Structures are given as C-alpha cells and as structure tokens.
Amino acid sequence: MKRLQRYLVIAMMIAVVVVGIRFTQELEDWSRLLTYQPPPAVARLATTTMMTDTARRLFYVNQPTIESTKSSLKLCKSSEHTIVLGCYVPTKGIFLQAVTDSRLQGVMEVTAAHEMLHVVYQRMSIFEQSQINKQLQAVLSQLDNPRIRKIIQTYRDQDSRSVDNELHSILGTEVRNLSPELEAHYRIYFTDRSPIVALSEGYEGRFTALRSKAKLLAQQLSIQNLALEELSERVKKESKQVEIEGSTIQTAIVANPQTDYNTRVATFNERVRNYNRLVVQLKEQTASYNQLVTERNSITLEEKSLFESLENKSTRQVAR
C-alpha cells in the first residue's frame, strides 16, 4: 500500500511538472504572439501550405522571417540534406531563405511547412515522440523512394539522433501516401497535405528530369563516340588507299601511256566516290555528336543554375 502511495505521489509530481511546463510555454507563446504580426509574405506561406490554426500558431510563435541568402547562411548553422532553405532554431525562431527563381516555385512553401513540423516535434513529450517515431520508421521501412531513403541514411550516418525529427518533417511535406495514423497526426497541422507534396514533387521533379536527361545523353554520346572513332578510322584508311592507288595509276600511265587503263580508272573513281561518301557521313555524324554535346552542356548549365539559386547550405550538402 505504501509503495502504491509512493507511485501515486511520483506520478502526481510528474503531472504537476508537465502541466507547469506547458502552462509556462503557453504564457511564453502568448507573449511572443503579442509582439509579432506576420508579414504578408509569411502569412501567404501559411495559407498556401494549408496550415491549420494550430500550425499557424506554432509557426507564428517562432516569428518566421524571410532572409537573404547571406543572412540565411549565417543564421542557419544546422545541416539540412534535402532541398530545404531555412531552419528552426529553438528560442530564436524560424528563418526562411528568399527564393525568387521561378523554376524553384514551391521551395519556400515546403520549407515553411518543414520547419513548422520541427517545432511540432520539438514540443512533443518523450512519450509522444516515441509513439510517433514508431509510425515514422514503419512508413520508412516500406517507402519506395531512393532519394528520401538516401537522405535519411545521410542523417543516420552523421547524427542518428536527428533522424526521427527530420523524418517527421520530410514525410509530412514530401510523401503523398502515409499510414492512417500518420495522416491523422498531420491533419492536426494541415487541412490538406496534398498541395505541399505537389509543390515538393514539382521542384524535385525538375532536378530528376534534368538528371535523367543528362544520363540518357551521356549514354548516347558514349555510343556515338565509339561509332565516330570507328568511322574516322575507316576514313583515314580509305584516304590512304585512295592516295596509294591514285599514285600507282599515275605512275603506270607515265611509264606506259599506250595501255588501256579504263577499268582501273573506273575502279579507282568508285573508290574515290566511296571515300567522299564516308567523309560526308563522318561530317554528319560529327555534327550530330556535337549537337548532343551542346544539349548535354546546356542541361549541365541549367542544373548548375538551379543549384546556384539554392546558393546556401543545400548546394553543398544536398544528398542525391
């Protein structure tokens, strides 16, 4: 009986501490919200990502600001390994990098939702985190997405303690179909997740398309390069043979001009015509090869341009 009473006392003390912490947090949130009026651009991010009132409150409590590339790099010291241009720094706030490149439309919206979910996870109790972690890992074990699995492995290799927190933000903003339990969890923060996922798929799809096209072009260039080398060698050999036969006929004519050389000349002329056809073919294949090289270089430059638009940490650390 005494043991039971002791357990009850301990449980009550823990409950009081938890309630006290949450009450203190509520007061702090109330105080911060009094002094923060979201700029229109920040409010649009919350609206576009379909944040619920609960999510908006967590978002605004951290007084999100939109920063320049230089400022964002300075403020965000943590390591993100996905295309997320911003950070949540506990006690300091949420910082989002301004992205103006139209090809990367949606990056800021997904980043805002991603960082807000970091706030959600950080505010969970250990028990709540434990429960959600099991659900996150269960989805990850069945996830057919090599890019995300590679990203998570990178986190695991560098700091395994960050995996569940990052997974919570990544799955919530980048994966379309989740378990019923996780969908119910994310509905607390988004009235509809599909617009966020669509935005993520949009800009990730641009990188994927560029990489796929670059890979295909590399294969085509490899095949054409071998064909060009073989054709070039044939042209060289044929050129040498034409030169030898032409010289031989010329020497024979000079030595014995009375002989009928019509058949030999006809054969020689046919060889010359064949040589000319090979030269034309070589020029055409060379032009085709050069066109592929130009196209490949254009894709490389476009991908480089996209990465330069993500000029801060993501350009160096994105795991692909």
Protein backbone atom coordinates (compact mmCIF):
# COMPACT_ATOMS: atom_id res chain seq x y z
CA MET A 1 0.00 0.00 0.00
CA LYS A 2 2.81 2.37 0.89
CA ARG A 3 4.51 1.52 -2.40
CA LEU A 4 1.32 2.36 -4.31
CA GLN A 5 1.03 5.65 -2.47
CA ARG A 6 4.64 6.44 -3.32
CA TYR A 7 4.00 5.73 -7.01
CA LEU A 8 0.90 7.93 -6.95
CA VAL A 9 2.84 10.76 -5.37
CA ILE A 10 5.58 10.46 -8.00
CA ALA A 11 3.00 10.35 -10.77
CA MET A 12 1.30 13.46 -9.38
CA MET A 13 4.63 15.27 -9.14
CA ILE A 14 5.42 14.40 -12.76
CA ALA A 15 1.96 15.57 -13.82
CA VAL A 16 2.41 18.84 -11.96
CA VAL A 17 5.79 19.40 -13.63
CA VAL A 18 4.35 18.63 -17.08
CA VAL A 19 1.38 20.93 -16.52
CA GLY A 20 3.71 23.61 -15.20
CA ILE A 21 5.99 23.34 -18.22
CA ARG A 22 3.06 23.50 -20.62
CA PHE A 23 1.49 26.41 -18.77
CA THR A 24 4.81 28.25 -18.89
CA GLN A 25 5.04 27.50 -22.60
CA GLU A 26 1.52 28.83 -23.13
CA LEU A 27 2.41 32.06 -21.38
CA GLU A 28 5.59 32.43 -23.41
CA ASP A 29 3.69 31.76 -26.65
CA TRP A 30 1.05 34.32 -25.74
CA SER A 31 3.75 36.89 -25.02
CA ARG A 32 5.58 36.28 -28.31
CA LEU A 33 2.37 36.38 -30.36
CA LEU A 34 1.54 39.77 -28.87
CA THR A 35 4.66 41.26 -30.41
CA TYR A 36 4.55 39.51 -33.81
CA GLN A 37 2.45 40.49 -36.78
CA PRO A 38 3.20 38.14 -39.69
CA PRO A 39 4.29 39.99 -42.82
CA PRO A 40 2.01 39.34 -45.82
CA ALA A 41 4.64 37.08 -47.46
CA VAL A 42 4.85 34.90 -44.33
CA ALA A 43 1.08 34.78 -43.97
CA ARG A 44 0.83 33.66 -47.61
CA LEU A 45 3.19 30.78 -46.87
CA ALA A 46 0.93 29.60 -44.06
CA THR A 47 -2.13 29.89 -46.28
CA THR A 48 -0.60 28.20 -49.32
CA THR A 49 0.58 25.24 -47.23
CA MET A 50 -2.91 24.83 -45.75
CA MET A 51 -1.74 25.21 -42.14
CA THR A 52 -4.44 24.78 -39.52
CA ASP A 53 -4.90 27.35 -36.74
CA THR A 54 -2.79 25.12 -34.50
CA ALA A 55 0.02 25.04 -37.04
CA ARG A 56 -0.18 28.78 -37.73
CA ARG A 57 0.15 29.44 -34.03
CA LEU A 58 3.30 27.31 -33.79
CA PHE A 59 4.62 28.92 -36.96
CA TYR A 60 3.94 32.50 -35.87
CA VAL A 61 5.14 31.94 -32.29
CA ASN A 62 8.58 31.43 -33.81
CA GLN A 63 8.25 34.76 -35.63
CA PRO A 64 9.38 33.48 -39.07
CA THR A 65 11.36 35.89 -41.20
CA ILE A 66 12.36 35.75 -44.87
CA GLU A 67 16.09 36.32 -45.18
CA SER A 68 18.60 36.98 -47.92
CA THR A 69 20.93 34.16 -48.94
CA LYS A 70 23.83 35.64 -46.98
CA SER A 71 21.75 36.24 -43.87
CA SER A 72 20.13 32.79 -44.08
CA LEU A 73 23.51 31.09 -44.29
CA LYS A 74 24.67 32.98 -41.20
CA LEU A 75 21.53 32.27 -39.18
CA CYS A 76 21.14 28.61 -40.16
CA LYS A 77 24.11 26.71 -38.83
CA SER A 78 22.44 23.29 -38.82
CA SER A 79 22.83 20.68 -41.58
CA GLU A 80 19.90 20.02 -43.89
CA HIS A 81 20.42 17.32 -46.50
CA THR A 82 17.37 17.99 -48.60
CA ILE A 83 16.26 21.00 -50.60
CA VAL A 84 15.12 22.93 -47.55
CA LEU A 85 16.22 26.54 -47.45
CA GLY A 86 15.69 27.62 -43.91
CA CYS A 87 15.91 26.46 -40.33
CA TYR A 88 14.19 26.35 -36.98
CA VAL A 89 16.48 27.46 -34.17
CA PRO A 90 14.87 26.81 -30.75
CA THR A 91 14.49 30.02 -28.67
CA LYS A 92 15.45 32.11 -31.71
CA GLY A 93 12.85 31.40 -34.36
CA ILE A 94 12.26 30.21 -37.94
CA PHE A 95 14.37 31.66 -40.73
CA LEU A 96 13.45 31.16 -44.38
CA GLN A 97 15.66 31.96 -47.36
CA ALA A 98 14.12 34.07 -50.09
CA VAL A 99 13.93 32.14 -53.39
CA THR A 100 12.97 34.10 -56.49
CA ASP A 101 13.84 31.65 -59.29
CA SER A 102 10.53 30.66 -60.91
CA ARG A 103 11.92 27.20 -61.67
CA LEU A 104 12.05 26.58 -57.92
CA GLN A 105 8.50 27.64 -57.19
CA GLY A 106 7.32 25.93 -54.01
CA VAL A 107 10.66 25.71 -52.22
CA MET A 108 9.79 28.43 -49.72
CA GLU A 109 6.35 26.97 -49.03
CA VAL A 110 7.70 23.47 -48.40
CA THR A 111 10.50 24.91 -46.25
CA ALA A 112 7.98 26.81 -44.12
CA ALA A 113 5.92 23.65 -43.54
CA HIS A 114 9.06 21.59 -42.94
CA GLU A 115 10.35 23.95 -40.24
CA MET A 116 6.94 24.27 -38.59
CA LEU A 117 6.89 20.47 -38.23
CA HIS A 118 10.26 20.67 -36.48
CA VAL A 119 8.55 22.88 -33.91
CA VAL A 120 5.78 20.30 -33.54
CA TYR A 121 8.27 17.51 -32.96
CA GLN A 122 10.40 19.51 -30.53
CA ARG A 123 7.32 20.26 -28.41
CA MET A 124 6.23 16.64 -28.13
CA SER A 125 6.81 14.81 -24.89
CA ILE A 126 9.27 11.92 -24.87
CA PHE A 127 6.32 9.53 -24.83
CA GLU A 128 4.67 11.28 -27.79
CA GLN A 129 7.93 11.25 -29.72
CA SER A 130 8.39 7.56 -29.00
CA GLN A 131 4.93 6.77 -30.35
CA ILE A 132 5.30 8.88 -33.49
CA ASN A 133 8.81 7.55 -34.11
CA LYS A 134 7.47 4.00 -34.40
CA GLN A 135 4.96 5.14 -37.01
CA LEU A 136 7.59 7.11 -38.93
CA GLN A 137 10.00 4.18 -39.01
CA ALA A 138 7.24 1.80 -40.09
CA VAL A 139 6.50 4.02 -43.12
CA LEU A 140 10.20 4.44 -43.90
CA SER A 141 10.73 0.68 -43.95
CA GLN A 142 8.14 0.41 -46.74
CA LEU A 143 8.99 3.63 -48.57
CA ASP A 144 9.88 3.21 -52.24
CA ASN A 145 11.73 6.48 -52.65
CA PRO A 146 15.51 6.12 -53.11
CA ARG A 147 16.11 9.86 -52.78
CA ILE A 148 14.45 10.16 -49.37
CA ARG A 149 15.97 6.89 -48.14
CA LYS A 150 19.41 8.20 -49.13
CA ILE A 151 18.77 11.49 -47.32
CA ILE A 152 17.71 9.69 -44.15
CA GLN A 153 20.74 7.42 -44.33
CA THR A 154 22.93 10.52 -44.53
CA TYR A 155 21.34 11.85 -41.34
CA ARG A 156 21.77 8.46 -39.71
CA ASP A 157 25.46 8.34 -40.61
CA GLN A 158 26.15 11.85 -39.32
CA ASP A 159 23.88 12.06 -36.27
CA SER A 160 21.37 9.28 -35.67
CA ARG A 161 19.60 11.40 -33.02
CA SER A 162 18.30 13.73 -35.74
CA VAL A 163 16.73 11.02 -37.92
CA ASP A 164 13.23 10.88 -36.43
CA ASN A 165 12.90 14.65 -36.18
CA GLU A 166 13.93 15.09 -39.83
CA LEU A 167 11.83 12.15 -40.95
CA HIS A 168 8.81 13.73 -39.26
CA SER A 169 9.25 16.89 -41.36
CA ILE A 170 10.20 15.13 -44.60
CA LEU A 171 7.36 12.61 -44.63
CA GLY A 172 4.84 15.28 -43.73
CA THR A 173 5.82 17.53 -46.64
CA GLU A 174 7.22 15.25 -49.34
CA VAL A 175 5.42 11.87 -49.27
CA ARG A 176 1.94 11.66 -50.72
CA ASN A 177 0.61 8.44 -49.15
CA LEU A 178 1.20 7.69 -45.47
CA SER A 179 -0.30 5.36 -42.89
CA PRO A 180 -3.77 6.26 -41.50
CA GLU A 181 -2.15 7.01 -38.13
CA LEU A 182 0.31 9.50 -39.59
CA GLU A 183 -2.32 11.06 -41.83
CA ALA A 184 -4.42 11.66 -38.72
CA HIS A 185 -1.42 13.19 -36.98
CA TYR A 186 -0.61 15.58 -39.84
CA ARG A 187 -4.27 16.61 -40.17
CA ILE A 188 -3.81 18.44 -36.88
CA TYR A 189 -1.43 20.78 -38.71
CA PHE A 190 -2.63 20.78 -42.34
CA THR A 191 -6.19 20.82 -43.60
CA ASP A 192 -4.82 19.15 -46.73
CA ARG A 193 -1.24 17.95 -47.25
CA SER A 194 -1.54 17.31 -50.98
CA PRO A 195 -0.71 20.90 -52.12
CA ILE A 196 2.55 20.83 -50.14
CA VAL A 197 3.54 17.44 -51.53
CA ALA A 198 2.69 18.62 -55.05
CA LEU A 199 4.99 21.62 -54.63
CA SER A 200 7.79 19.38 -53.38
CA GLU A 201 7.29 16.96 -56.25
CA GLY A 202 7.34 19.91 -58.67
CA TYR A 203 10.81 21.27 -57.93
CA GLU A 204 12.29 17.85 -57.14
CA GLY A 205 10.89 16.68 -60.48
CA ARG A 206 12.87 19.38 -62.28
CA PHE A 207 16.12 18.05 -60.85
CA THR A 208 15.09 14.45 -61.54
CA ALA A 209 14.18 15.25 -65.16
CA LEU A 210 17.48 17.05 -65.73
CA ARG A 211 19.49 14.19 -64.24
CA SER A 212 17.58 11.58 -66.26
CA LYS A 213 18.06 13.51 -69.49
CA ALA A 214 21.75 14.08 -68.75
CA LYS A 215 22.18 10.34 -68.10
CA LEU A 216 20.45 9.43 -71.38
CA LEU A 217 22.57 11.93 -73.31
CA ALA A 218 25.73 10.55 -71.71
CA GLN A 219 24.79 7.07 -72.93
CA GLN A 220 24.04 8.35 -76.43
CA LEU A 221 27.31 10.29 -76.52
CA SER A 222 29.25 7.20 -75.49
CA ILE A 223 27.68 5.13 -78.30
CA GLN A 224 28.14 7.87 -80.90
CA ASN A 225 31.71 8.49 -79.81
CA LEU A 226 32.61 4.85 -80.47
CA ALA A 227 30.88 4.98 -83.85
CA LEU A 228 32.73 8.19 -84.73
CA GLU A 229 36.07 6.68 -83.80
CA GLU A 230 35.39 3.64 -86.00
CA LEU A 231 34.18 5.78 -88.93
CA SER A 232 37.10 8.17 -88.57
CA GLU A 233 39.49 5.23 -88.72
CA ARG A 234 37.75 3.94 -91.88
CA VAL A 235 38.05 7.38 -93.48
CA LYS A 236 41.77 7.52 -92.70
CA LYS A 237 42.38 4.06 -94.14
CA GLU A 238 40.29 4.82 -97.22
CA SER A 239 42.09 8.13 -97.73
CA LYS A 240 45.44 6.37 -97.60
CA GLN A 241 44.26 3.69 -100.02
CA VAL A 242 42.94 6.32 -102.47
CA GLU A 243 46.28 8.09 -102.31
CA ILE A 244 48.21 4.88 -102.95
CA GLU A 245 46.01 3.71 -105.84
CA GLY A 246 45.96 7.16 -107.42
CA SER A 247 49.76 7.33 -107.27
CA THR A 248 50.08 3.80 -108.66
CA ILE A 249 47.81 4.54 -111.64
CA GLN A 250 49.59 7.82 -112.34
CA THR A 251 52.98 6.07 -112.30
CA ALA A 252 51.69 3.33 -114.62
CA ILE A 253 50.26 5.85 -117.09
CA VAL A 254 53.53 7.75 -117.23
CA ALA A 255 55.51 4.51 -117.68
CA ASN A 256 53.24 3.03 -120.35
CA PRO A 257 50.73 5.56 -121.77
CA GLN A 258 49.60 3.23 -124.57
CA THR A 259 47.96 0.71 -122.21
CA ASP A 260 44.17 0.77 -121.67
CA TYR A 261 43.63 1.90 -118.08
CA ASN A 262 39.87 2.47 -118.30
CA THR A 263 38.92 -0.42 -116.00
CA ARG A 264 41.49 0.54 -113.37
CA VAL A 265 40.49 4.20 -113.55
CA ALA A 266 36.79 3.29 -113.21
CA THR A 267 37.59 1.18 -110.13
CA PHE A 268 39.68 3.99 -108.70
CA ASN A 269 36.94 6.55 -109.32
CA GLU A 270 34.43 4.33 -107.49
CA ARG A 271 36.83 4.12 -104.53
CA VAL A 272 37.09 7.92 -104.56
CA ARG A 273 33.30 8.23 -104.59
CA ASN A 274 33.06 5.78 -101.68
CA TYR A 275 35.67 7.78 -99.81
CA ASN A 276 33.70 11.00 -100.39
CA ARG A 277 30.53 9.31 -99.12
CA LEU A 278 32.39 8.28 -95.95
CA VAL A 279 33.66 11.85 -95.49
CA VAL A 280 30.09 13.21 -95.78
CA GLN A 281 28.88 10.55 -93.34
CA LEU A 282 31.66 11.49 -90.92
CA LYS A 283 30.71 15.16 -91.12
CA GLU A 284 27.04 14.37 -90.48
CA GLN A 285 27.79 12.12 -87.52
CA THR A 286 30.24 14.67 -86.12
CA ALA A 287 27.58 17.38 -86.37
CA SER A 288 25.06 15.10 -84.62
CA TYR A 289 27.59 14.31 -81.88
CA ASN A 290 28.38 18.00 -81.39
CA GLN A 291 24.68 18.78 -81.14
CA LEU A 292 24.34 16.20 -78.35
CA VAL A 293 27.36 17.71 -76.60
CA THR A 294 25.74 21.15 -76.79
CA GLU A 295 22.49 19.76 -75.39
CA ARG A 296 24.35 17.97 -72.59
CA ASN A 297 26.26 21.13 -71.73
CA SER A 298 23.03 23.11 -71.71
CA ILE A 299 21.49 20.70 -69.21
CA THR A 300 24.61 20.85 -67.06
CA LEU A 301 24.45 24.63 -67.04
CA GLU A 302 20.74 24.60 -66.19
CA GLU A 303 21.28 22.26 -63.26
CA LYS A 304 24.21 24.39 -62.11
CA SER A 305 21.99 27.46 -62.38
CA LEU A 306 19.32 25.81 -60.24
CA PHE A 307 21.87 24.90 -57.59
CA GLU A 308 23.22 28.44 -57.64
CA SER A 309 19.69 29.61 -56.90
CA LEU A 310 19.94 27.44 -53.78
CA GLU A 311 23.23 29.08 -53.01
CA ASN A 312 23.42 28.40 -49.29
CA LYS A 313 23.97 25.11 -47.48
CA SER A 314 21.75 22.99 -49.74
CA THR A 315 24.02 23.48 -52.74
CA ARG A 316 26.84 21.85 -50.85
CA GLN A 317 25.07 19.30 -48.69
CA VAL A 318 22.07 18.05 -50.63
CA ALA A 319 22.28 14.25 -50.79
CA ARG A 320 21.46 12.91 -54.28
